[in-house]
Amino acid sequence: MRDRLEYLLYSFIGSLVRLMPWEMVNPVGKSVGAFAYDFIPIRKKLTLENLRHAFPQKSAEEIDAIARGTYRNVVIALLEIFWFPRLTDAKLREIVSMADASIMDARLKEGKGLIMLGGHFGNWELNALAVGLLGRHQLTIIVQEQRNKYVDAFMSKNRVMFGSKLVVMKKSPREILAALQRNEVVAMLADQSGPQEGLFVEYFGRPASTHRGPAVFSVRTGAPVVMSFILRKEDGRYEVVFEEVDTRSLSGSEDEKITELTARHVAVLEKYATLYPDHWLWMHKRWKHAPPAKSAIEEKSHESTE
């Protein structure tokens, strides 16, 4: 019953949003996001805390402005997702540009598939649609199931509207390997907190538990890694940009390669979150796990090698 009631509200809001032309969604989202920041401050304290840690050199006024922009970004993205059932091939081409997709073609010529990484940045759902359509390559998208099965069905329908294939994360390892062996593009988000036993790498100067999966698949299959970011312009249109993560210069054991590659793709995300700080999801509990404390023996061994 709870799921149905939630979805009824979800559907009602979506119906209202779809009455608007696309061009109205952005300004409405900005206004609602600003209102939410001031009067419905869900995770506002966490957002400000994360930003202060990430940008200690910025003033309180600058931090507040970024936080407000983050709320606007999330609300705009949510309203745009509600609008997706009206999205057509022609409309997507009108509102999203892609600077250069040749990197996808070049890497796929190597015959090892391609791992396309993204983050909760800009409108990440629109990013996946645009990369698949404008890049002219069907994506195998790794997704988390939504708690509400009705919302999950709505999201899934949107995600495959231009031909992409969805794979639920808990079933993903075999599907990922199969897709890479078929020389296809596997897309996944790689910026959420990993588990307590995850791989800890630096993100904005603090160790953050990070999922090993993308690096593991790349190291073991030789698949190149490219990151995709969708940048929102002032007029509400978007541009998709790519940045390749260096996988060719990795050295050492398999574990060392996985650790280094994970640190490298996290560093690329940090670069874009620094350039466009209001685009990233700062209200996420990215640093909720602390790395395990070193034992006295490990500390003594480390000191003896210095």
Foldseek 3Di string as FASTA:
>chain_A
DVLVVVVVVVLVLLVVLQVDPLLVLLVVLLVVLLCCVVPVVDLVVLLLVLQCLLCVPDDPVVSSVLSSLLSSQVSSLSSVLSNLVVDDLVNLCVQEAEPDLVVLVVQLVVLQAAEEEEAQFRNVLSQLVCCCNVSVFAEEEEDAADPRNVVSVSSVCSSCVPNHHYDYNVRPPVVVNVQRNVSGYYYYYWQAADDLPAQWEDASRATFGTHLPVQLSCLVRVHWYKYWHWAADPSRGIYIYIDTFDLPPADDDSVSSSNVSSNRVSVVVNVVCVVNVSGHNSSHPRRVHHHDDDDPVVVVVVVVVD
